[in-house]
Amino acid sequence: FKLTGAWADKIRLKDNPKAAKRICIVAGSHLTYDQSISSSKFGLCLPSPDGRVLLVVPWLNRIIAGTTEKTYD
């Protein structure tokens, strides 16, 4: 049984109030492109020097390119 999504830590705390936080919620800016611009079936995720994450990921016949910008508590 795996928990996913932004609420996963809250669900885990209901089961174990002493559970450590494991999820970091972030927001960012993303652009989508037609998948024809790349033949790759693999994504790329890179940390940037300023702490953000840069990503390029194929998704549903599109390519998502973007970055995280803001951490939410």
PDB file of N, CA and C in Angstrom:
ATOM      1  N   PHE A   1       0.845  -1.171   0.000  1.00  0.00           N
ATOM      2  CA  PHE A   1       0.000   0.000   0.000  1.00  0.00           C
ATOM      3  C   PHE A   1       0.889   1.232   0.000  1.00  0.00           C
ATOM      4  N   LYS A   2       0.765   2.067  -1.003  1.00  0.00           N
ATOM      5  CA  LYS A   2       1.584   3.273  -1.100  1.00  0.00           C
ATOM      6  C   LYS A   2       0.689   4.496  -1.077  1.00  0.00           C
ATOM      7  N   LEU A   3       1.125   5.511  -0.350  1.00  0.00           N
ATOM      8  CA  LEU A   3       0.412   6.782  -0.293  1.00  0.00           C
ATOM      9  C   LEU A   3       1.082   7.754  -1.249  1.00  0.00           C
ATOM     10  N   THR A   4       0.284   8.499  -1.975  1.00  0.00           N
ATOM     11  CA  THR A   4       0.849   9.502  -2.876  1.00  0.00           C
ATOM     12  C   THR A   4       0.051  10.790  -2.774  1.00  0.00           C
ATOM     13  N   GLY A   5       0.604  11.831  -3.314  1.00  0.00           N
ATOM     14  CA  GLY A   5      -0.086  13.110  -3.349  1.00  0.00           C
ATOM     15  C   GLY A   5       0.351  14.027  -2.220  1.00  0.00           C
ATOM     16  N   ALA A   6      -0.091  15.258  -2.309  1.00  0.00           N
ATOM     17  CA  ALA A   6       0.306  16.286  -1.357  1.00  0.00           C
ATOM     18  C   ALA A   6      -0.184  15.999   0.057  1.00  0.00           C
ATOM     19  N   TRP A   7      -1.200  15.197   0.206  1.00  0.00           N
ATOM     20  CA  TRP A   7      -1.793  14.903   1.508  1.00  0.00           C
ATOM     21  C   TRP A   7      -1.220  13.640   2.161  1.00  0.00           C
ATOM     22  N   ALA A   8      -0.256  12.996   1.550  1.00  0.00           N
ATOM     23  CA  ALA A   8       0.262  11.718   2.045  1.00  0.00           C
ATOM     24  C   ALA A   8       0.787  11.815   3.478  1.00  0.00           C
ATOM     25  N   ASP A   9       1.510  12.879   3.822  1.00  0.00           N
ATOM     26  CA  ASP A   9       2.018  13.010   5.189  1.00  0.00           C
ATOM     27  C   ASP A   9       0.879  13.123   6.197  1.00  0.00           C
ATOM     28  N   LYS A  10      -0.189  13.826   5.856  1.00  0.00           N
ATOM     29  CA  LYS A  10      -1.333  13.950   6.774  1.00  0.00           C
ATOM     30  C   LYS A  10      -1.996  12.605   7.011  1.00  0.00           C
ATOM     31  N   ILE A  11      -2.085  11.797   5.981  1.00  0.00           N
ATOM     32  CA  ILE A  11      -2.671  10.462   6.128  1.00  0.00           C
ATOM     33  C   ILE A  11      -1.755   9.590   6.980  1.00  0.00           C
ATOM     34  N   ARG A  12      -0.455   9.680   6.743  1.00  0.00           N
ATOM     35  CA  ARG A  12       0.505   8.901   7.535  1.00  0.00           C
ATOM     36  C   ARG A  12       0.439   9.283   9.007  1.00  0.00           C
ATOM     37  N   LEU A  13       0.235  10.565   9.325  1.00  0.00           N
ATOM     38  CA  LEU A  13       0.147  11.005  10.714  1.00  0.00           C
ATOM     39  C   LEU A  13      -1.087  10.438  11.416  1.00  0.00           C
ATOM     40  N   LYS A  14      -2.148  10.183  10.677  1.00  0.00           N
ATOM     41  CA  LYS A  14      -3.336   9.567  11.283  1.00  0.00           C
ATOM     42  C   LYS A  14      -3.031   8.140  11.730  1.00  0.00           C
ATOM     43  N   ASP A  15      -2.186   7.461  10.974  1.00  0.00           N
ATOM     44  CA  ASP A  15      -1.799   6.099  11.316  1.00  0.00           C
ATOM     45  C   ASP A  15      -0.728   6.091  12.407  1.00  0.00           C
ATOM     46  N   ASN A  16       0.213   7.042  12.320  1.00  0.00           N
ATOM     47  CA  ASN A  16       1.313   7.107  13.279  1.00  0.00           C
ATOM     48  C   ASN A  16       1.623   8.578  13.559  1.00  0.00           C
ATOM     49  N   PRO A  17       1.091   9.141  14.647  1.00  0.00           N
ATOM     50  CA  PRO A  17       1.308  10.563  14.951  1.00  0.00           C
ATOM     51  C   PRO A  17       2.776  10.958  15.098  1.00  0.00           C
ATOM     52  N   LYS A  18       3.668   9.999  15.276  1.00  0.00           N
ATOM     53  CA  LYS A  18       5.093  10.294  15.427  1.00  0.00           C
ATOM     54  C   LYS A  18       5.862  10.151  14.104  1.00  0.00           C
ATOM     55  N   ALA A  19       5.150   9.906  13.027  1.00  0.00           N
ATOM     56  CA  ALA A  19       5.811   9.720  11.726  1.00  0.00           C
ATOM     57  C   ALA A  19       6.524  11.005  11.303  1.00  0.00           C
ATOM     58  N   ALA A  20       7.710  10.844  10.740  1.00  0.00           N
ATOM     59  CA  ALA A  20       8.479  11.993  10.253  1.00  0.00           C
ATOM     60  C   ALA A  20       7.899  12.497   8.934  1.00  0.00           C
ATOM     61  N   LYS A  21       8.002  13.792   8.700  1.00  0.00           N
ATOM     62  CA  LYS A  21       7.552  14.383   7.443  1.00  0.00           C
ATOM     63  C   LYS A  21       8.410  13.849   6.296  1.00  0.00           C
ATOM     64  N   ARG A  22       7.763  13.461   5.175  1.00  0.00           N
ATOM     65  CA  ARG A  22       8.497  12.916   4.031  1.00  0.00           C
ATOM     66  C   ARG A  22       8.192  13.644   2.728  1.00  0.00           C
ATOM     67  N   ILE A  23       7.153  14.450   2.699  1.00  0.00           N
ATOM     68  CA  ILE A  23       6.709  15.105   1.470  1.00  0.00           C
ATOM     69  C   ILE A  23       7.032  16.600   1.527  1.00  0.00           C
ATOM     70  N   CYS A  24       7.613  17.112   0.469  1.00  0.00           N
ATOM     71  CA  CYS A  24       7.879  18.539   0.327  1.00  0.00           C
ATOM     72  C   CYS A  24       7.013  19.034  -0.836  1.00  0.00           C
ATOM     73  N   ILE A  25       6.058  19.906  -0.547  1.00  0.00           N
ATOM     74  CA  ILE A  25       5.133  20.392  -1.567  1.00  0.00           C
ATOM     75  C   ILE A  25       5.714  21.650  -2.205  1.00  0.00           C
ATOM     76  N   VAL A  26       5.756  21.662  -3.537  1.00  0.00           N
ATOM     77  CA  VAL A  26       6.288  22.804  -4.272  1.00  0.00           C
ATOM     78  C   VAL A  26       5.351  23.190  -5.408  1.00  0.00           C
ATOM     79  N   ALA A  27       5.449  24.429  -5.828  1.00  0.00           N
ATOM     80  CA  ALA A  27       4.721  24.923  -6.993  1.00  0.00           C
ATOM     81  C   ALA A  27       5.749  25.448  -7.974  1.00  0.00           C
ATOM     82  N   GLY A  28       5.372  25.535  -9.235  1.00  0.00           N
ATOM     83  CA  GLY A  28       6.324  26.024 -10.215  1.00  0.00           C
ATOM     84  C   GLY A  28       5.656  26.460 -11.499  1.00  0.00           C
ATOM     85  N   SER A  29       6.488  26.792 -12.455  1.00  0.00           N
ATOM     86  CA  SER A  29       6.022  27.180 -13.789  1.00  0.00           C
ATOM     87  C   SER A  29       6.385  26.080 -14.769  1.00  0.00           C
ATOM     88  N   HIS A  30       5.430  25.750 -15.627  1.00  0.00           N
ATOM     89  CA  HIS A  30       5.650  24.661 -16.573  1.00  0.00           C
ATOM     90  C   HIS A  30       5.085  25.028 -17.941  1.00  0.00           C
ATOM     91  N   LEU A  31       5.779  24.618 -18.981  1.00  0.00           N
ATOM     92  CA  LEU A  31       5.330  24.785 -20.360  1.00  0.00           C
ATOM     93  C   LEU A  31       5.116  23.402 -20.942  1.00  0.00           C
ATOM     94  N   THR A  32       4.156  23.274 -21.857  1.00  0.00           N
ATOM     95  CA  THR A  32       3.979  21.998 -22.540  1.00  0.00           C
ATOM     96  C   THR A  32       4.246  22.176 -24.020  1.00  0.00           C
ATOM     97  N   TYR A  33       4.857  21.156 -24.602  1.00  0.00           N
ATOM     98  CA  TYR A  33       5.206  21.148 -26.018  1.00  0.00           C
ATOM     99  C   TYR A  33       4.687  19.865 -26.646  1.00  0.00           C
ATOM    100  N   ASP A  34       4.484  19.886 -27.954  1.00  0.00           N
ATOM    101  CA  ASP A  34       4.129  18.675 -28.675  1.00  0.00           C
ATOM    102  C   ASP A  34       5.301  17.706 -28.596  1.00  0.00           C
ATOM    103  N   GLN A  35       5.031  16.436 -28.397  1.00  0.00           N
ATOM    104  CA  GLN A  35       6.094  15.447 -28.224  1.00  0.00           C
ATOM    105  C   GLN A  35       6.938  15.271 -29.483  1.00  0.00           C
ATOM    106  N   SER A  36       6.498  15.805 -30.611  1.00  0.00           N
ATOM    107  CA  SER A  36       7.259  15.663 -31.848  1.00  0.00           C
ATOM    108  C   SER A  36       8.612  16.394 -31.792  1.00  0.00           C
ATOM    109  N   ILE A  37       8.824  17.270 -30.798  1.00  0.00           N
ATOM    110  CA  ILE A  37      10.107  17.969 -30.713  1.00  0.00           C
ATOM    111  C   ILE A  37      11.205  17.085 -30.136  1.00  0.00           C
ATOM    112  N   SER A  38      10.838  15.889 -29.657  1.00  0.00           N
ATOM    113  CA  SER A  38      11.842  14.984 -29.078  1.00  0.00           C
ATOM    114  C   SER A  38      11.441  13.544 -29.320  1.00  0.00           C
ATOM    115  N   SER A  39      12.411  12.692 -29.565  1.00  0.00           N
ATOM    116  CA  SER A  39      12.123  11.268 -29.744  1.00  0.00           C
ATOM    117  C   SER A  39      12.373  10.485 -28.461  1.00  0.00           C
ATOM    118  N   SER A  40      12.794  11.150 -27.406  1.00  0.00           N
ATOM    119  CA  SER A  40      13.117  10.470 -26.155  1.00  0.00           C
ATOM    120  C   SER A  40      11.866  10.067 -25.396  1.00  0.00           C
ATOM    121  N   LYS A  41      11.917   8.900 -24.777  1.00  0.00           N
ATOM    122  CA  LYS A  41      10.834   8.439 -23.914  1.00  0.00           C
ATOM    123  C   LYS A  41      11.203   8.626 -22.449  1.00  0.00           C
ATOM    124  N   PHE A  42      12.316   9.294 -22.193  1.00  0.00           N
ATOM    125  CA  PHE A  42      12.809   9.473 -20.838  1.00  0.00           C
ATOM    126  C   PHE A  42      12.752  10.937 -20.437  1.00  0.00           C
ATOM    127  N   GLY A  43      12.567  11.194 -19.154  1.00  0.00           N
ATOM    128  CA  GLY A  43      12.546  12.538 -18.628  1.00  0.00           C
ATOM    129  C   GLY A  43      13.881  12.906 -18.010  1.00  0.00           C
ATOM    130  N   LEU A  44      14.009  14.159 -17.658  1.00  0.00           N
ATOM    131  CA  LEU A  44      15.233  14.668 -17.061  1.00  0.00           C
ATOM    132  C   LEU A  44      14.842  15.572 -15.899  1.00  0.00           C
ATOM    133  N   CYS A  45      15.452  15.353 -14.755  1.00  0.00           N
ATOM    134  CA  CYS A  45      15.227  16.157 -13.560  1.00  0.00           C
ATOM    135  C   CYS A  45      16.586  16.555 -12.995  1.00  0.00           C
ATOM    136  N   LEU A  46      16.857  17.849 -12.903  1.00  0.00           N
ATOM    137  CA  LEU A  46      18.161  18.320 -12.442  1.00  0.00           C
ATOM    138  C   LEU A  46      18.009  19.365 -11.347  1.00  0.00           C
ATOM    139  N   PRO A  47      18.815  19.266 -10.301  1.00  0.00           N
ATOM    140  CA  PRO A  47      18.813  20.344  -9.307  1.00  0.00           C
ATOM    141  C   PRO A  47      19.572  21.546  -9.866  1.00  0.00           C
ATOM    142  N   SER A  48      19.071  22.740  -9.608  1.00  0.00           N
ATOM    143  CA  SER A  48      19.773  23.946 -10.052  1.00  0.00           C
ATOM    144  C   SER A  48      20.571  24.517  -8.878  1.00  0.00           C
ATOM    145  N   PRO A  49      21.548  25.363  -9.157  1.00  0.00           N
ATOM    146  CA  PRO A  49      22.378  25.923  -8.082  1.00  0.00           C
ATOM    147  C   PRO A  49      21.586  26.709  -7.033  1.00  0.00           C
ATOM    148  N   ASP A  50      20.421  27.251  -7.415  1.00  0.00           N
ATOM    149  CA  ASP A  50      19.633  28.035  -6.455  1.00  0.00           C
ATOM    150  C   ASP A  50      18.636  27.191  -5.668  1.00  0.00           C
ATOM    151  N   GLY A  51      18.700  25.856  -5.809  1.00  0.00           N
ATOM    152  CA  GLY A  51      17.852  24.973  -5.012  1.00  0.00           C
ATOM    153  C   GLY A  51      16.578  24.512  -5.691  1.00  0.00           C
ATOM    154  N   ARG A  52      16.246  25.085  -6.835  1.00  0.00           N
ATOM    155  CA  ARG A  52      15.049  24.639  -7.555  1.00  0.00           C
ATOM    156  C   ARG A  52      15.351  23.356  -8.310  1.00  0.00           C
ATOM    157  N   VAL A  53      14.309  22.726  -8.827  1.00  0.00           N
ATOM    158  CA  VAL A  53      14.457  21.527  -9.647  1.00  0.00           C
ATOM    159  C   VAL A  53      14.014  21.856 -11.065  1.00  0.00           C
ATOM    160  N   LEU A  54      14.871  21.587 -12.041  1.00  0.00           N
ATOM    161  CA  LEU A  54      14.532  21.783 -13.454  1.00  0.00           C
ATOM    162  C   LEU A  54      14.099  20.441 -14.016  1.00  0.00           C
ATOM    163  N   LEU A  55      13.030  20.428 -14.804  1.00  0.00           N
ATOM    164  CA  LEU A  55      12.557  19.158 -15.341  1.00  0.00           C
ATOM    165  C   LEU A  55      12.093  19.266 -16.783  1.00  0.00           C
ATOM    166  N   VAL A  56      12.273  18.164 -17.507  1.00  0.00           N
ATOM    167  CA  VAL A  56      11.743  17.977 -18.859  1.00  0.00           C
ATOM    168  C   VAL A  56      11.237  16.538 -18.873  1.00  0.00           C
ATOM    169  N   VAL A  57       9.911  16.369 -19.003  1.00  0.00           N
ATOM    170  CA  VAL A  57       9.305  15.050 -18.838  1.00  0.00           C
ATOM    171  C   VAL A  57       8.268  14.792 -19.926  1.00  0.00           C
ATOM    172  N   PRO A  58       8.335  13.631 -20.614  1.00  0.00           N
ATOM    173  CA  PRO A  58       7.272  13.287 -21.544  1.00  0.00           C
ATOM    174  C   PRO A  58       6.018  12.886 -20.754  1.00  0.00           C
ATOM    175  N   TRP A  59       4.842  13.356 -21.218  1.00  0.00           N
ATOM    176  CA  TRP A  59       3.605  13.070 -20.490  1.00  0.00           C
ATOM    177  C   TRP A  59       2.414  13.181 -21.443  1.00  0.00           C
ATOM    178  N   LEU A  60       1.687  12.096 -21.621  1.00  0.00           N
ATOM    179  CA  LEU A  60       0.467  12.075 -22.446  1.00  0.00           C
ATOM    180  C   LEU A  60       0.668  12.702 -23.831  1.00  0.00           C
ATOM    181  N   ASN A  61       1.652  12.233 -24.550  1.00  0.00           N
ATOM    182  CA  ASN A  61       1.977  12.715 -25.900  1.00  0.00           C
ATOM    183  C   ASN A  61       2.385  14.185 -25.942  1.00  0.00           C
ATOM    184  N   ARG A  62       2.824  14.696 -24.813  1.00  0.00           N
ATOM    185  CA  ARG A  62       3.329  16.064 -24.714  1.00  0.00           C
ATOM    186  C   ARG A  62       4.665  16.014 -23.985  1.00  0.00           C
ATOM    187  N   ILE A  63       5.357  17.124 -23.933  1.00  0.00           N
ATOM    188  CA  ILE A  63       6.554  17.251 -23.124  1.00  0.00           C
ATOM    189  C   ILE A  63       6.328  18.424 -22.179  1.00  0.00           C
ATOM    190  N   ILE A  64       6.541  18.186 -20.899  1.00  0.00           N
ATOM    191  CA  ILE A  64       6.425  19.242 -19.898  1.00  0.00           C
ATOM    192  C   ILE A  64       7.837  19.694 -19.545  1.00  0.00           C
ATOM    193  N   ALA A  65       8.067  20.991 -19.614  1.00  0.00           N
ATOM    194  CA  ALA A  65       9.354  21.569 -19.227  1.00  0.00           C
ATOM    195  C   ALA A  65       9.078  22.648 -18.195  1.00  0.00           C
ATOM    196  N   GLY A  66       9.844  22.641 -17.121  1.00  0.00           N
ATOM    197  CA  GLY A  66       9.597  23.655 -16.118  1.00  0.00           C
ATOM    198  C   GLY A  66      10.532  23.573 -14.945  1.00  0.00           C
ATOM    199  N   THR A  67      10.135  24.266 -13.889  1.00  0.00           N
ATOM    200  CA  THR A  67      10.943  24.336 -12.685  1.00  0.00           C
ATOM    201  C   THR A  67      10.045  24.505 -11.474  1.00  0.00           C
ATOM    202  N   THR A  68      10.525  24.033 -10.331  1.00  0.00           N
ATOM    203  CA  THR A  68       9.849  24.359  -9.073  1.00  0.00           C
ATOM    204  C   THR A  68      10.279  25.765  -8.688  1.00  0.00           C
ATOM    205  N   GLU A  69       9.412  26.483  -8.022  1.00  0.00           N
ATOM    206  CA  GLU A  69       9.740  27.862  -7.657  1.00  0.00           C
ATOM    207  C   GLU A  69       9.507  28.176  -6.201  1.00  0.00           C
ATOM    208  N   LYS A  70       8.523  27.545  -5.593  1.00  0.00           N
ATOM    209  CA  LYS A  70       8.124  27.951  -4.275  1.00  0.00           C
ATOM    210  C   LYS A  70       7.772  26.720  -3.444  1.00  0.00           C
ATOM    211  N   THR A  71       8.275  26.662  -2.211  1.00  0.00           N
ATOM    212  CA  THR A  71       7.948  25.581  -1.297  1.00  0.00           C
ATOM    213  C   THR A  71       6.770  26.001  -0.433  1.00  0.00           C
ATOM    214  N   TYR A  72       5.824  25.088  -0.262  1.00  0.00           N
ATOM    215  CA  TYR A  72       4.668  25.335   0.600  1.00  0.00           C
ATOM    216  C   TYR A  72       4.762  24.469   1.833  1.00  0.00           C
ATOM    217  N   ASP A  73       4.426  25.029   2.976  1.00  0.00           N
ATOM    218  CA  ASP A  73       4.377  24.252   4.202  1.00  0.00           C
ATOM    219  C   ASP A  73       2.971  23.821   4.391  1.00  0.00           C
TER     220      ASP A  73
END
